[in-house]
Amino acid sequence: MRRRKAVLHFLCASVAIVVVLFMLIPAHEWRAGASGIGETNGEVIWNNTFGSERYDRGPSFQHAGDGLIIAGWTQSYGAGDDDVWLLKTDAYGNEAWNRTFGGKESDKGFYIQSAGNGYMIVGVTCSYGAGGGDLWLIKTDLYG
C-alpha cells in the first residue's frame, strides 16, 4: 500500500511538473500555407478561439496530420464541473472535431502524446478512481 501511494504521489508530482513547464514555454503562432504548418516571424496568419462562455483551457498540443491536436479541460461542454477536452484542428486552425471525457466532478487533461494509432492523455480525475484527484490516463483512437 505504501509503495502504491508513493508511486501515485510521484506520478501526480510529475504531472504537476509537466504542467508548470508548459506554462513556462513561450507561445508560438503557427502558419498554415501550401506546405502545411510552420512558424512565422511574428505576423498573425490566423487566430481562432475555442470554447464558450465558461472556463476552457488547452495547455498541451502537438502536430497531428494536417493540423493540431489539443488536450485540456472545459467547463462549457461535457458532463460536469471540468471535463477533459480533446480538440482537433485543421491546418488553418478551424475545429475539425472535439471530444470530452469525465464525470460529475472535476477532470482535467494536462498532456497529450501520439500513441500508435491514437493519442494518450495524462490528466487528473476527481470523478473516477479513489477520489480526491487521481492520476488519469486516457487512450483514444485518431478520432478521439
N, C-alpha and C. Protein backbone atom coordinates (compact mmCIF):
# COMPACT_ATOMS: atom_id res chain seq x y z
N MET A 1 0.83 -1.19 0.00
CA MET A 1 0.00 0.00 0.00
C MET A 1 0.88 1.26 0.00
N ARG A 2 1.95 1.26 0.82
CA ARG A 2 2.83 2.42 0.86
C ARG A 2 3.51 2.63 -0.48
N ARG A 3 3.92 1.52 -1.11
CA ARG A 3 4.59 1.62 -2.41
C ARG A 3 3.63 2.21 -3.45
N ARG A 4 2.39 1.74 -3.45
CA ARG A 4 1.39 2.27 -4.39
C ARG A 4 1.15 3.76 -4.15
N LYS A 5 1.05 4.13 -2.89
CA LYS A 5 0.84 5.53 -2.54
C LYS A 5 2.02 6.39 -2.97
N ALA A 6 3.23 5.87 -2.79
CA ALA A 6 4.43 6.61 -3.20
C ALA A 6 4.48 6.77 -4.71
N VAL A 7 4.10 5.72 -5.43
CA VAL A 7 4.08 5.80 -6.90
C VAL A 7 3.04 6.82 -7.35
N LEU A 8 1.86 6.83 -6.74
CA LEU A 8 0.83 7.80 -7.11
C LEU A 8 1.27 9.22 -6.82
N HIS A 9 1.94 9.43 -5.67
CA HIS A 9 2.46 10.77 -5.35
C HIS A 9 3.50 11.19 -6.38
N PHE A 10 4.37 10.26 -6.77
CA PHE A 10 5.39 10.56 -7.78
C PHE A 10 4.73 10.93 -9.10
N LEU A 11 3.73 10.16 -9.54
CA LEU A 11 3.06 10.44 -10.81
C LEU A 11 2.32 11.78 -10.77
N CYS A 12 1.65 12.08 -9.67
CA CYS A 12 0.95 13.36 -9.55
C CYS A 12 1.95 14.52 -9.57
N ALA A 13 3.08 14.35 -8.89
CA ALA A 13 4.12 15.38 -8.90
C ALA A 13 4.67 15.55 -10.31
N SER A 14 4.83 14.45 -11.04
CA SER A 14 5.32 14.52 -12.42
C SER A 14 4.35 15.29 -13.30
N VAL A 15 3.06 15.04 -13.14
CA VAL A 15 2.05 15.78 -13.91
C VAL A 15 2.15 17.26 -13.58
N ALA A 16 2.30 17.59 -12.31
CA ALA A 16 2.41 19.00 -11.91
C ALA A 16 3.63 19.66 -12.54
N ILE A 17 4.75 18.95 -12.60
CA ILE A 17 5.96 19.49 -13.21
C ILE A 17 5.74 19.73 -14.69
N VAL A 18 5.11 18.79 -15.38
CA VAL A 18 4.83 18.95 -16.81
C VAL A 18 3.95 20.18 -17.03
N VAL A 19 2.94 20.35 -16.19
CA VAL A 19 2.04 21.49 -16.33
C VAL A 19 2.81 22.80 -16.16
N VAL A 20 3.66 22.88 -15.15
CA VAL A 20 4.45 24.09 -14.92
C VAL A 20 5.37 24.36 -16.09
N LEU A 21 6.02 23.33 -16.62
CA LEU A 21 6.91 23.51 -17.77
C LEU A 21 6.16 24.04 -18.98
N PHE A 22 4.95 23.52 -19.24
CA PHE A 22 4.18 24.01 -20.37
C PHE A 22 3.74 25.45 -20.17
N MET A 23 3.55 25.87 -18.93
CA MET A 23 3.19 27.26 -18.68
C MET A 23 4.38 28.19 -18.91
N LEU A 24 5.60 27.67 -18.77
CA LEU A 24 6.80 28.48 -18.94
C LEU A 24 7.27 28.55 -20.38
N ILE A 25 6.85 27.62 -21.22
CA ILE A 25 7.27 27.61 -22.62
C ILE A 25 6.55 28.74 -23.35
N PRO A 26 7.29 29.58 -24.08
CA PRO A 26 6.63 30.68 -24.78
C PRO A 26 5.66 30.18 -25.84
N ALA A 27 4.61 30.95 -26.05
CA ALA A 27 3.60 30.58 -27.05
C ALA A 27 4.15 30.80 -28.45
N HIS A 28 3.67 30.02 -29.38
CA HIS A 28 4.05 30.13 -30.79
C HIS A 28 2.82 30.44 -31.61
N GLU A 29 3.02 31.15 -32.70
CA GLU A 29 2.00 31.27 -33.72
C GLU A 29 2.34 30.26 -34.79
N TRP A 30 1.36 29.62 -35.37
CA TRP A 30 1.59 28.61 -36.40
C TRP A 30 1.03 29.11 -37.71
N ARG A 31 1.76 28.89 -38.77
CA ARG A 31 1.36 29.37 -40.09
C ARG A 31 0.80 28.22 -40.92
N ALA A 32 -0.33 28.45 -41.52
CA ALA A 32 -0.92 27.46 -42.41
C ALA A 32 -0.74 27.94 -43.84
N GLY A 33 -0.11 27.14 -44.65
CA GLY A 33 0.11 27.52 -46.04
C GLY A 33 0.13 26.29 -46.91
N ALA A 34 0.67 26.44 -48.11
CA ALA A 34 0.71 25.33 -49.06
C ALA A 34 1.48 24.15 -48.49
N SER A 35 2.50 24.43 -47.70
CA SER A 35 3.31 23.34 -47.15
C SER A 35 2.82 22.88 -45.79
N GLY A 36 1.70 23.41 -45.31
CA GLY A 36 1.17 22.99 -44.02
C GLY A 36 1.43 24.03 -42.95
N ILE A 37 1.82 23.57 -41.76
CA ILE A 37 2.01 24.45 -40.62
C ILE A 37 3.49 24.72 -40.42
N GLY A 38 3.84 25.97 -40.18
CA GLY A 38 5.22 26.34 -39.89
C GLY A 38 5.25 27.57 -39.02
N GLU A 39 6.38 27.85 -38.39
CA GLU A 39 6.49 29.02 -37.54
C GLU A 39 6.55 30.29 -38.37
N THR A 40 6.04 31.38 -37.82
CA THR A 40 6.06 32.67 -38.50
C THR A 40 7.13 33.55 -37.88
N ASN A 41 7.28 34.73 -38.42
CA ASN A 41 8.22 35.71 -37.88
C ASN A 41 7.48 36.81 -37.14
N GLY A 42 6.41 36.49 -36.49
CA GLY A 42 5.68 37.45 -35.69
C GLY A 42 4.39 37.95 -36.31
N GLU A 43 4.17 37.68 -37.58
CA GLU A 43 2.92 38.11 -38.21
C GLU A 43 1.82 37.11 -37.89
N VAL A 44 0.63 37.62 -37.64
CA VAL A 44 -0.51 36.74 -37.36
C VAL A 44 -1.10 36.29 -38.69
N ILE A 45 -1.05 35.00 -38.94
CA ILE A 45 -1.60 34.42 -40.16
C ILE A 45 -3.08 34.10 -39.96
N TRP A 46 -3.40 33.50 -38.84
CA TRP A 46 -4.78 33.28 -38.45
C TRP A 46 -4.85 33.21 -36.94
N ASN A 47 -6.06 33.39 -36.42
CA ASN A 47 -6.27 33.42 -34.98
C ASN A 47 -7.67 32.89 -34.72
N ASN A 48 -7.77 31.81 -33.98
CA ASN A 48 -9.07 31.22 -33.67
C ASN A 48 -9.20 31.00 -32.17
N THR A 49 -10.40 31.05 -31.67
CA THR A 49 -10.67 30.71 -30.27
C THR A 49 -11.63 29.53 -30.24
N PHE A 50 -11.59 28.81 -29.13
CA PHE A 50 -12.43 27.63 -28.96
C PHE A 50 -13.04 27.69 -27.57
N GLY A 51 -14.24 27.19 -27.45
CA GLY A 51 -14.90 27.18 -26.16
C GLY A 51 -16.17 28.01 -26.20
N SER A 52 -16.64 28.33 -25.01
CA SER A 52 -17.89 29.06 -24.89
C SER A 52 -17.75 30.06 -23.76
N GLU A 53 -18.84 30.36 -23.08
CA GLU A 53 -18.83 31.41 -22.06
C GLU A 53 -18.16 30.99 -20.76
N ARG A 54 -17.82 29.74 -20.59
CA ARG A 54 -17.21 29.27 -19.35
C ARG A 54 -15.71 29.11 -19.51
N TYR A 55 -15.06 28.58 -18.49
CA TYR A 55 -13.61 28.45 -18.41
C TYR A 55 -13.14 27.24 -19.24
N ASP A 56 -12.32 27.47 -20.26
CA ASP A 56 -11.84 26.42 -21.15
C ASP A 56 -10.35 26.61 -21.38
N ARG A 57 -9.55 25.56 -21.20
CA ARG A 57 -8.10 25.67 -21.33
C ARG A 57 -7.55 24.50 -22.14
N GLY A 58 -6.42 24.75 -22.84
CA GLY A 58 -5.73 23.72 -23.63
C GLY A 58 -4.23 23.83 -23.46
N PRO A 59 -3.68 23.35 -22.35
CA PRO A 59 -2.25 23.54 -22.08
C PRO A 59 -1.32 22.64 -22.89
N SER A 60 -1.83 21.64 -23.58
CA SER A 60 -0.95 20.72 -24.30
C SER A 60 -1.42 20.55 -25.74
N PHE A 61 -0.47 20.59 -26.68
CA PHE A 61 -0.81 20.38 -28.08
C PHE A 61 0.37 19.76 -28.80
N GLN A 62 0.09 19.22 -29.97
CA GLN A 62 1.15 18.74 -30.86
C GLN A 62 0.60 18.68 -32.28
N HIS A 63 1.51 18.61 -33.25
CA HIS A 63 1.10 18.47 -34.64
C HIS A 63 0.42 17.12 -34.82
N ALA A 64 -0.63 17.11 -35.62
CA ALA A 64 -1.37 15.87 -35.89
C ALA A 64 -1.89 15.92 -37.31
N GLY A 65 -1.21 15.26 -38.21
CA GLY A 65 -1.64 15.26 -39.61
C GLY A 65 -1.60 16.65 -40.20
N ASP A 66 -2.74 17.16 -40.61
CA ASP A 66 -2.81 18.47 -41.24
C ASP A 66 -3.18 19.58 -40.27
N GLY A 67 -3.07 19.35 -38.97
CA GLY A 67 -3.45 20.38 -38.00
C GLY A 67 -2.81 20.13 -36.66
N LEU A 68 -3.55 20.45 -35.62
CA LEU A 68 -3.09 20.27 -34.25
C LEU A 68 -4.08 19.40 -33.50
N ILE A 69 -3.58 18.71 -32.47
CA ILE A 69 -4.43 18.04 -31.50
C ILE A 69 -4.15 18.73 -30.17
N ILE A 70 -5.19 19.15 -29.47
CA ILE A 70 -5.06 19.93 -28.25
C ILE A 70 -5.76 19.19 -27.13
N ALA A 71 -5.10 19.10 -25.97
CA ALA A 71 -5.72 18.50 -24.79
C ALA A 71 -5.79 19.53 -23.68
N GLY A 72 -6.86 19.49 -22.93
CA GLY A 72 -7.04 20.42 -21.83
C GLY A 72 -8.29 20.07 -21.05
N TRP A 73 -9.04 21.11 -20.68
CA TRP A 73 -10.29 20.88 -19.96
C TRP A 73 -11.27 22.00 -20.30
N THR A 74 -12.54 21.68 -20.11
CA THR A 74 -13.61 22.62 -20.45
C THR A 74 -14.69 22.58 -19.38
N GLN A 75 -15.27 23.74 -19.13
CA GLN A 75 -16.48 23.84 -18.32
C GLN A 75 -17.69 24.10 -19.23
N SER A 76 -17.43 24.39 -20.49
CA SER A 76 -18.50 24.73 -21.43
C SER A 76 -19.23 23.51 -21.98
N TYR A 77 -18.54 22.37 -22.03
CA TYR A 77 -19.11 21.16 -22.60
C TYR A 77 -18.87 20.00 -21.63
N GLY A 78 -19.53 18.88 -21.85
CA GLY A 78 -19.26 17.68 -21.07
C GLY A 78 -20.28 17.42 -19.99
N ALA A 79 -19.87 16.57 -19.04
CA ALA A 79 -20.80 16.03 -18.06
C ALA A 79 -20.80 16.73 -16.71
N GLY A 80 -19.75 17.50 -16.40
CA GLY A 80 -19.68 18.03 -15.05
C GLY A 80 -18.91 19.32 -14.94
N ASP A 81 -18.32 19.52 -13.78
CA ASP A 81 -17.59 20.74 -13.44
C ASP A 81 -16.54 21.07 -14.50
N ASP A 82 -15.45 20.34 -14.52
CA ASP A 82 -14.45 20.40 -15.59
C ASP A 82 -14.43 19.02 -16.24
N ASP A 83 -14.25 18.96 -17.53
CA ASP A 83 -14.09 17.69 -18.23
C ASP A 83 -12.86 17.76 -19.12
N VAL A 84 -12.16 16.63 -19.25
CA VAL A 84 -11.03 16.57 -20.16
C VAL A 84 -11.56 16.90 -21.55
N TRP A 85 -10.80 17.72 -22.27
CA TRP A 85 -11.23 18.20 -23.59
C TRP A 85 -10.17 17.88 -24.61
N LEU A 86 -10.54 17.18 -25.65
CA LEU A 86 -9.65 16.83 -26.76
C LEU A 86 -10.21 17.51 -28.00
N LEU A 87 -9.37 18.33 -28.66
CA LEU A 87 -9.83 19.12 -29.79
C LEU A 87 -8.85 18.97 -30.94
N LYS A 88 -9.36 18.71 -32.14
CA LYS A 88 -8.53 18.57 -33.35
C LYS A 88 -8.84 19.73 -34.28
N THR A 89 -7.77 20.35 -34.83
CA THR A 89 -7.96 21.43 -35.80
C THR A 89 -7.42 21.02 -37.16
N ASP A 90 -7.82 21.77 -38.18
CA ASP A 90 -7.20 21.60 -39.49
C ASP A 90 -5.99 22.52 -39.58
N ALA A 91 -5.36 22.60 -40.73
CA ALA A 91 -4.15 23.40 -40.91
C ALA A 91 -4.39 24.89 -40.75
N TYR A 92 -5.64 25.32 -40.82
CA TYR A 92 -5.98 26.73 -40.70
C TYR A 92 -6.55 27.09 -39.33
N GLY A 93 -6.47 26.16 -38.40
CA GLY A 93 -6.94 26.42 -37.05
C GLY A 93 -8.43 26.29 -36.86
N ASN A 94 -9.13 25.76 -37.84
CA ASN A 94 -10.57 25.54 -37.70
C ASN A 94 -10.81 24.22 -36.99
N GLU A 95 -11.81 24.18 -36.14
CA GLU A 95 -12.12 22.96 -35.41
C GLU A 95 -12.59 21.87 -36.36
N ALA A 96 -11.93 20.71 -36.31
CA ALA A 96 -12.35 19.54 -37.08
C ALA A 96 -13.32 18.71 -36.25
N TRP A 97 -13.00 18.50 -34.97
CA TRP A 97 -13.87 17.79 -34.04
C TRP A 97 -13.38 18.04 -32.62
N ASN A 98 -14.23 17.70 -31.64
CA ASN A 98 -13.81 17.74 -30.24
C ASN A 98 -14.54 16.67 -29.46
N ARG A 99 -13.91 16.21 -28.40
CA ARG A 99 -14.49 15.18 -27.53
C ARG A 99 -14.25 15.58 -26.07
N THR A 100 -15.15 15.17 -25.19
CA THR A 100 -14.95 15.37 -23.76
C THR A 100 -14.97 14.02 -23.05
N PHE A 101 -14.26 13.98 -21.93
CA PHE A 101 -14.19 12.78 -21.09
C PHE A 101 -14.33 13.24 -19.65
N GLY A 102 -15.15 12.56 -18.87
CA GLY A 102 -15.25 12.91 -17.46
C GLY A 102 -16.61 12.62 -16.90
N GLY A 103 -16.71 12.89 -15.61
CA GLY A 103 -17.95 12.66 -14.88
C GLY A 103 -18.46 13.94 -14.25
N LYS A 104 -19.14 13.82 -13.11
CA LYS A 104 -19.77 14.97 -12.47
C LYS A 104 -18.76 15.89 -11.79
N GLU A 105 -17.60 15.36 -11.40
CA GLU A 105 -16.61 16.17 -10.68
C GLU A 105 -15.60 16.77 -11.65
N SER A 106 -14.54 17.35 -11.11
CA SER A 106 -13.50 18.00 -11.92
C SER A 106 -12.54 16.97 -12.52
N ASP A 107 -12.35 17.03 -13.83
CA ASP A 107 -11.44 16.15 -14.56
C ASP A 107 -10.68 17.02 -15.56
N LYS A 108 -9.35 16.91 -15.56
CA LYS A 108 -8.53 17.78 -16.42
C LYS A 108 -7.48 16.98 -17.17
N GLY A 109 -7.23 17.37 -18.40
CA GLY A 109 -6.17 16.78 -19.22
C GLY A 109 -5.02 17.76 -19.31
N PHE A 110 -3.82 17.32 -18.94
CA PHE A 110 -2.66 18.21 -18.90
C PHE A 110 -1.65 17.98 -20.01
N TYR A 111 -1.61 16.77 -20.57
CA TYR A 111 -0.56 16.46 -21.54
C TYR A 111 -1.10 15.47 -22.56
N ILE A 112 -0.72 15.65 -23.82
CA ILE A 112 -1.14 14.72 -24.87
C ILE A 112 0.08 14.26 -25.65
N GLN A 113 0.04 13.01 -26.09
CA GLN A 113 1.14 12.42 -26.86
C GLN A 113 0.55 11.44 -27.87
N SER A 114 1.10 11.43 -29.08
CA SER A 114 0.70 10.40 -30.04
C SER A 114 1.06 9.04 -29.49
N ALA A 115 0.19 8.07 -29.70
CA ALA A 115 0.42 6.71 -29.20
C ALA A 115 -0.15 5.72 -30.21
N GLY A 116 0.71 5.22 -31.09
CA GLY A 116 0.25 4.28 -32.11
C GLY A 116 -0.76 4.94 -33.02
N ASN A 117 -1.91 4.34 -33.16
CA ASN A 117 -2.98 4.89 -33.99
C ASN A 117 -3.97 5.69 -33.15
N GLY A 118 -3.45 6.55 -32.29
CA GLY A 118 -4.31 7.37 -31.45
C GLY A 118 -3.50 8.30 -30.58
N TYR A 119 -4.07 8.64 -29.43
CA TYR A 119 -3.45 9.60 -28.52
C TYR A 119 -3.55 9.09 -27.09
N MET A 120 -2.58 9.51 -26.27
CA MET A 120 -2.59 9.22 -24.85
C MET A 120 -2.67 10.56 -24.13
N ILE A 121 -3.66 10.71 -23.26
CA ILE A 121 -3.84 11.93 -22.48
C ILE A 121 -3.52 11.60 -21.03
N VAL A 122 -2.72 12.46 -20.40
CA VAL A 122 -2.41 12.33 -18.97
C VAL A 122 -3.14 13.46 -18.27
N GLY A 123 -3.89 13.11 -17.24
CA GLY A 123 -4.64 14.13 -16.53
C GLY A 123 -4.94 13.73 -15.10
N VAL A 124 -5.92 14.39 -14.53
CA VAL A 124 -6.34 14.14 -13.15
C VAL A 124 -7.86 14.02 -13.16
N THR A 125 -8.37 13.06 -12.40
CA THR A 125 -9.82 12.89 -12.28
C THR A 125 -10.25 12.90 -10.82
N CYS A 126 -11.33 13.60 -10.55
CA CYS A 126 -12.00 13.53 -9.25
C CYS A 126 -13.31 12.75 -9.39
N SER A 127 -13.69 12.43 -10.62
CA SER A 127 -14.94 11.71 -10.87
C SER A 127 -14.77 10.20 -10.73
N TYR A 128 -13.58 9.70 -11.01
CA TYR A 128 -13.33 8.26 -11.00
C TYR A 128 -12.14 7.95 -10.11
N GLY A 129 -11.91 6.67 -9.83
CA GLY A 129 -10.78 6.27 -9.01
C GLY A 129 -11.11 6.33 -7.53
N ALA A 130 -10.08 6.56 -6.72
CA ALA A 130 -10.22 6.54 -5.27
C ALA A 130 -10.79 7.85 -4.73
N GLY A 131 -10.84 8.88 -5.55
CA GLY A 131 -11.38 10.16 -5.11
C GLY A 131 -10.31 11.15 -4.73
N GLY A 132 -10.66 12.41 -4.73
CA GLY A 132 -9.75 13.45 -4.29
C GLY A 132 -8.69 13.84 -5.31
N GLY A 133 -8.76 13.37 -6.51
CA GLY A 133 -7.79 13.74 -7.54
C GLY A 133 -6.82 12.62 -7.83
N ASP A 134 -7.17 11.73 -8.71
CA ASP A 134 -6.33 10.60 -9.09
C ASP A 134 -5.73 10.83 -10.47
N LEU A 135 -4.53 10.31 -10.68
CA LEU A 135 -3.92 10.35 -11.99
C LEU A 135 -4.82 9.61 -12.96
N TRP A 136 -4.99 10.16 -14.16
CA TRP A 136 -5.89 9.56 -15.14
C TRP A 136 -5.18 9.46 -16.48
N LEU A 137 -5.13 8.26 -17.03
CA LEU A 137 -4.59 8.01 -18.36
C LEU A 137 -5.75 7.63 -19.28
N ILE A 138 -5.84 8.32 -20.40
CA ILE A 138 -6.90 8.05 -21.38
C ILE A 138 -6.25 7.74 -22.71
N LYS A 139 -6.57 6.60 -23.30
CA LYS A 139 -6.07 6.22 -24.62
C LYS A 139 -7.24 6.33 -25.59
N THR A 140 -7.03 7.06 -26.70
CA THR A 140 -8.08 7.21 -27.71
C THR A 140 -7.57 6.73 -29.06
N ASP A 141 -8.49 6.60 -30.01
CA ASP A 141 -8.08 6.36 -31.39
C ASP A 141 -7.80 7.72 -32.05
N LEU A 142 -7.55 7.76 -33.33
CA LEU A 142 -7.21 9.01 -34.02
C LEU A 142 -8.37 10.01 -34.08
N TYR A 143 -9.57 9.56 -33.74
CA TYR A 143 -10.74 10.43 -33.77
C TYR A 143 -11.29 10.71 -32.38
N GLY A 144 -10.46 10.51 -31.38
CA GLY A 144 -10.84 10.81 -30.02
C GLY A 144 -11.74 9.79 -29.40
